[in-house]
Amino acid sequence: MGSNEADKPLRRIGASFEQLAAIAKQQQQPAMAAGDFSRACSNVSVLFGCLGIAFKFAEMDYVAKVNDLLEASKTISTLPSMVELDIQKGTVRQPGSHTRNLLRVKRGIDMVKVLFEQILVTEGNSLKDAATKAYAQVFAPHHGWAIRKAVGAGMYALPSKSQLLKKLNEDENSARAQMQSFVRSSGQVILYVEDLFTSSNLGLDW
């Protein structure tokens, strides 16, 4: 593996989500491979780690659920079949079910997408506004008061934008291009997963 790939997680994330998006946006959608989806999502874990204490809860929760999907993908080949199996067993909403974990992972991807959108339109070196808006939009509606308060306090310990880019081994221009790419491709993937839920009448708000 070249140092470019190994040292630049944004590029690894971008490439893996571009591949998923190519499947997600086809008219006659082939079923998305659970392994490909899970591996792409595991690449995103590094971003939560770079955001510090404010998103520690999200990192731990996200990593655990991605690992569950990765393990499940060894015996369940596609995301639609993963959801269908839980429907048949009546376990969709049970804690620990693959379908419930898929919904949580989708939220993690959504949070990063909104964070990148906000970073792209926010001036200055602070990530606080961008991260606060992303959390409020994606995670806050599903969290109780105690977690919301802890995250709010953690926002003051976020790295600066320049510190984040240094951790990701990118400069401003290259990071912007990678973030724009992820916003586009992850949007397609998020829609694909949401359609899996809505087409099975499972809803998304749980």
Protein backbone atom coordinates (compact mmCIF):
# COMPACT_ATOMS: atom_id res chain seq x y z
CA MET A 1 0.00 0.00 0.00
CA GLY A 2 1.38 3.41 -0.90
CA SER A 3 1.94 5.98 1.81
CA ASN A 4 -0.65 8.18 0.10
CA GLU A 5 -3.39 5.69 0.85
CA ALA A 6 -2.16 4.66 4.29
CA ASP A 7 -1.56 8.15 5.61
CA LYS A 8 -4.60 9.90 4.14
CA PRO A 9 -7.77 8.45 5.67
CA LEU A 10 -10.02 10.98 3.90
CA ARG A 11 -8.96 9.51 0.55
CA ARG A 12 -9.56 5.97 1.73
CA ILE A 13 -13.02 6.97 2.97
CA GLY A 14 -13.79 8.83 -0.25
CA ALA A 15 -12.77 5.98 -2.53
CA SER A 16 -14.78 3.37 -0.62
CA PHE A 17 -17.93 5.52 -0.59
CA GLU A 18 -17.61 6.35 -4.28
CA GLN A 19 -17.77 2.60 -4.94
CA LEU A 20 -20.87 2.21 -2.77
CA ALA A 21 -22.52 5.25 -4.40
CA ALA A 22 -22.02 3.72 -7.86
CA ILE A 23 -24.18 0.80 -6.73
CA ALA A 24 -26.69 2.93 -4.81
CA LYS A 25 -27.56 5.20 -7.73
CA GLN A 26 -28.14 2.55 -10.39
CA GLN A 27 -31.70 2.39 -11.72
CA GLN A 28 -32.00 -1.36 -11.25
CA GLN A 29 -30.14 -1.41 -7.98
CA PRO A 30 -28.14 -4.55 -7.34
CA ALA A 31 -28.29 -5.45 -3.65
CA MET A 32 -25.46 -3.70 -1.82
CA ALA A 33 -22.92 -6.15 -0.41
CA ALA A 34 -22.95 -6.08 3.39
CA GLY A 35 -19.18 -6.60 3.53
CA ASP A 36 -18.40 -3.70 1.17
CA PHE A 37 -20.74 -1.41 3.11
CA SER A 38 -19.29 -2.41 6.49
CA ARG A 39 -15.67 -2.01 5.38
CA ALA A 40 -16.39 1.44 3.92
CA CYS A 41 -18.08 2.47 7.17
CA SER A 42 -15.17 1.14 9.24
CA ASN A 43 -12.90 3.59 7.38
CA VAL A 44 -14.97 6.44 8.85
CA SER A 45 -14.19 5.44 12.46
CA VAL A 46 -10.93 7.41 12.37
CA LEU A 47 -12.89 10.66 11.93
CA PHE A 48 -14.79 10.20 15.18
CA GLY A 49 -11.48 9.49 16.90
CA CYS A 50 -10.05 12.76 15.56
CA LEU A 51 -12.91 14.82 17.05
CA GLY A 52 -11.99 14.14 20.67
CA ILE A 53 -14.11 13.79 23.79
CA ALA A 54 -17.29 15.39 22.37
CA PHE A 55 -17.80 12.46 20.03
CA LYS A 56 -16.25 9.71 22.14
CA PHE A 57 -19.69 8.20 22.79
CA ALA A 58 -20.39 8.23 19.03
CA GLU A 59 -17.04 6.65 18.22
CA MET A 60 -17.54 3.78 20.70
CA ASP A 61 -21.13 3.17 19.63
CA TYR A 62 -20.35 3.46 15.92
CA VAL A 63 -17.31 1.16 16.02
CA ALA A 64 -19.21 -1.53 17.95
CA LYS A 65 -22.10 -1.50 15.50
CA VAL A 66 -19.88 -1.47 12.40
CA ASN A 67 -18.00 -4.45 13.84
CA ASP A 68 -21.32 -6.28 14.30
CA LEU A 69 -22.22 -5.65 10.65
CA LEU A 70 -18.75 -6.77 9.53
CA GLU A 71 -19.14 -10.01 11.48
CA ALA A 72 -22.66 -10.55 10.13
CA SER A 73 -21.46 -9.99 6.56
CA LYS A 74 -19.46 -13.22 6.78
CA THR A 75 -22.73 -15.18 6.61
CA ILE A 76 -25.25 -12.63 5.24
CA SER A 77 -24.17 -11.37 1.84
CA THR A 78 -26.30 -8.24 1.28
CA LEU A 79 -27.90 -5.43 3.28
CA PRO A 80 -31.45 -6.20 2.02
CA SER A 81 -31.12 -9.85 3.09
CA MET A 82 -29.78 -8.71 6.48
CA VAL A 83 -32.89 -6.59 7.04
CA GLU A 84 -35.22 -9.28 5.66
CA LEU A 85 -33.83 -11.89 8.07
CA ASP A 86 -34.55 -9.65 11.07
CA ILE A 87 -38.07 -8.98 9.75
CA GLN A 88 -38.69 -12.72 9.46
CA LYS A 89 -37.39 -13.33 12.98
CA GLY A 90 -39.31 -10.36 14.43
CA THR A 91 -36.11 -8.91 15.88
CA VAL A 92 -35.80 -5.67 13.89
CA ARG A 93 -36.04 -3.31 16.87
CA GLN A 94 -34.32 -5.49 19.44
CA PRO A 95 -31.05 -4.08 20.86
CA GLY A 96 -28.18 -5.76 19.07
CA SER A 97 -30.14 -6.69 15.94
CA HIS A 98 -28.26 -6.14 12.68
CA THR A 99 -31.07 -3.94 11.35
CA ARG A 100 -31.02 -1.71 14.43
CA ASN A 101 -27.23 -1.48 14.19
CA LEU A 102 -27.48 -0.63 10.48
CA LEU A 103 -29.76 2.30 11.33
CA ARG A 104 -27.29 3.54 13.96
CA VAL A 105 -24.35 3.25 11.53
CA LYS A 106 -26.37 5.15 8.92
CA ARG A 107 -26.78 7.96 11.46
CA GLY A 108 -23.03 8.04 12.03
CA ILE A 109 -22.43 8.44 8.29
CA ASP A 110 -25.13 11.11 8.18
CA MET A 111 -23.44 13.02 11.03
CA VAL A 112 -20.09 13.05 9.21
CA LYS A 113 -21.80 14.17 6.00
CA VAL A 114 -23.50 17.11 7.75
CA LEU A 115 -20.25 17.94 9.59
CA PHE A 116 -18.39 18.13 6.28
CA GLU A 117 -21.17 20.23 4.72
CA GLN A 118 -20.90 22.67 7.62
CA ILE A 119 -17.08 22.77 7.53
CA LEU A 120 -17.24 23.58 3.81
CA VAL A 121 -19.44 26.65 4.39
CA THR A 122 -18.01 27.86 7.72
CA GLU A 123 -15.27 30.49 7.80
CA GLY A 124 -12.48 30.47 10.35
CA ASN A 125 -10.52 27.82 12.21
CA SER A 126 -13.12 26.65 14.76
CA LEU A 127 -15.07 23.40 14.31
CA LYS A 128 -17.48 24.17 17.15
CA ASP A 129 -20.33 25.62 15.03
CA ALA A 130 -20.03 22.92 12.38
CA ALA A 131 -19.92 20.08 14.92
CA THR A 132 -22.72 21.56 17.04
CA LYS A 133 -25.03 21.84 14.00
CA ALA A 134 -24.19 18.31 12.84
CA TYR A 135 -24.86 16.86 16.29
CA ALA A 136 -28.09 18.83 16.71
CA GLN A 137 -29.40 17.73 13.33
CA VAL A 138 -28.53 14.02 13.43
CA PHE A 139 -27.93 12.71 16.95
CA ALA A 140 -29.56 15.10 19.44
CA PRO A 141 -33.18 14.09 18.63
CA HIS A 142 -32.34 10.52 19.69
CA HIS A 143 -30.37 11.34 22.85
CA GLY A 144 -31.51 12.09 26.37
CA TRP A 145 -30.68 15.24 28.28
CA ALA A 146 -27.57 13.83 30.01
CA ILE A 147 -25.83 12.82 26.77
CA ARG A 148 -26.76 16.09 25.06
CA LYS A 149 -25.30 18.04 28.00
CA ALA A 150 -22.08 15.99 28.00
CA VAL A 151 -21.64 16.47 24.26
CA GLY A 152 -22.25 20.21 24.62
CA ALA A 153 -19.49 20.43 27.21
CA GLY A 154 -17.17 18.34 25.03
CA MET A 155 -17.58 20.74 22.12
CA TYR A 156 -15.15 23.10 23.86
CA ALA A 157 -12.41 20.46 23.55
CA LEU A 158 -12.77 19.97 19.79
CA PRO A 159 -9.61 20.32 17.72
CA SER A 160 -9.37 23.36 15.47
CA LYS A 161 -9.94 22.90 11.76
CA SER A 162 -6.19 23.14 11.09
CA GLN A 163 -5.48 20.54 13.82
CA LEU A 164 -8.06 18.19 12.28
CA LEU A 165 -6.54 18.56 8.81
CA LYS A 166 -3.09 17.88 10.24
CA LYS A 167 -4.36 14.67 11.87
CA LEU A 168 -5.87 13.67 8.52
CA ASN A 169 -2.67 14.60 6.67
CA GLU A 170 -4.44 17.01 4.29
CA ASP A 171 -4.12 20.69 3.43
CA GLU A 172 -7.15 22.96 3.10
CA ASN A 173 -7.58 22.47 -0.66
CA SER A 174 -7.15 18.70 -0.73
CA ALA A 175 -9.41 18.28 2.31
CA ARG A 176 -12.11 20.40 0.68
CA ALA A 177 -12.09 18.22 -2.43
CA GLN A 178 -12.26 15.03 -0.35
CA MET A 179 -15.06 16.38 1.83
CA GLN A 180 -17.09 17.44 -1.20
CA SER A 181 -16.62 13.96 -2.67
CA PHE A 182 -17.80 12.31 0.56
CA VAL A 183 -20.85 14.58 0.83
CA ARG A 184 -21.91 13.54 -2.68
CA SER A 185 -21.24 9.82 -2.39
CA SER A 186 -22.44 9.34 1.19
CA GLY A 187 -25.69 11.10 0.29
CA GLN A 188 -26.40 8.35 -2.26
CA VAL A 189 -25.52 5.62 0.24
CA ILE A 190 -27.67 7.17 3.00
CA LEU A 191 -30.65 7.32 0.63
CA TYR A 192 -30.11 3.67 -0.29
CA VAL A 193 -30.17 2.56 3.37
CA GLU A 194 -33.15 4.79 4.18
CA ASP A 195 -35.04 3.29 1.25
CA LEU A 196 -34.36 -0.19 2.65
CA PHE A 197 -36.15 0.85 5.83
CA THR A 198 -39.01 2.83 4.32
CA SER A 199 -39.77 0.25 1.61
CA SER A 200 -40.13 -2.35 4.39
CA ASN A 201 -42.33 0.00 6.47
CA LEU A 202 -39.78 -0.01 9.30
CA GLY A 203 -39.55 3.77 9.70
CA LEU A 204 -36.36 5.67 10.56
CA ASP A 205 -37.19 7.51 13.77
CA TRP A 206 -36.41 4.90 16.43
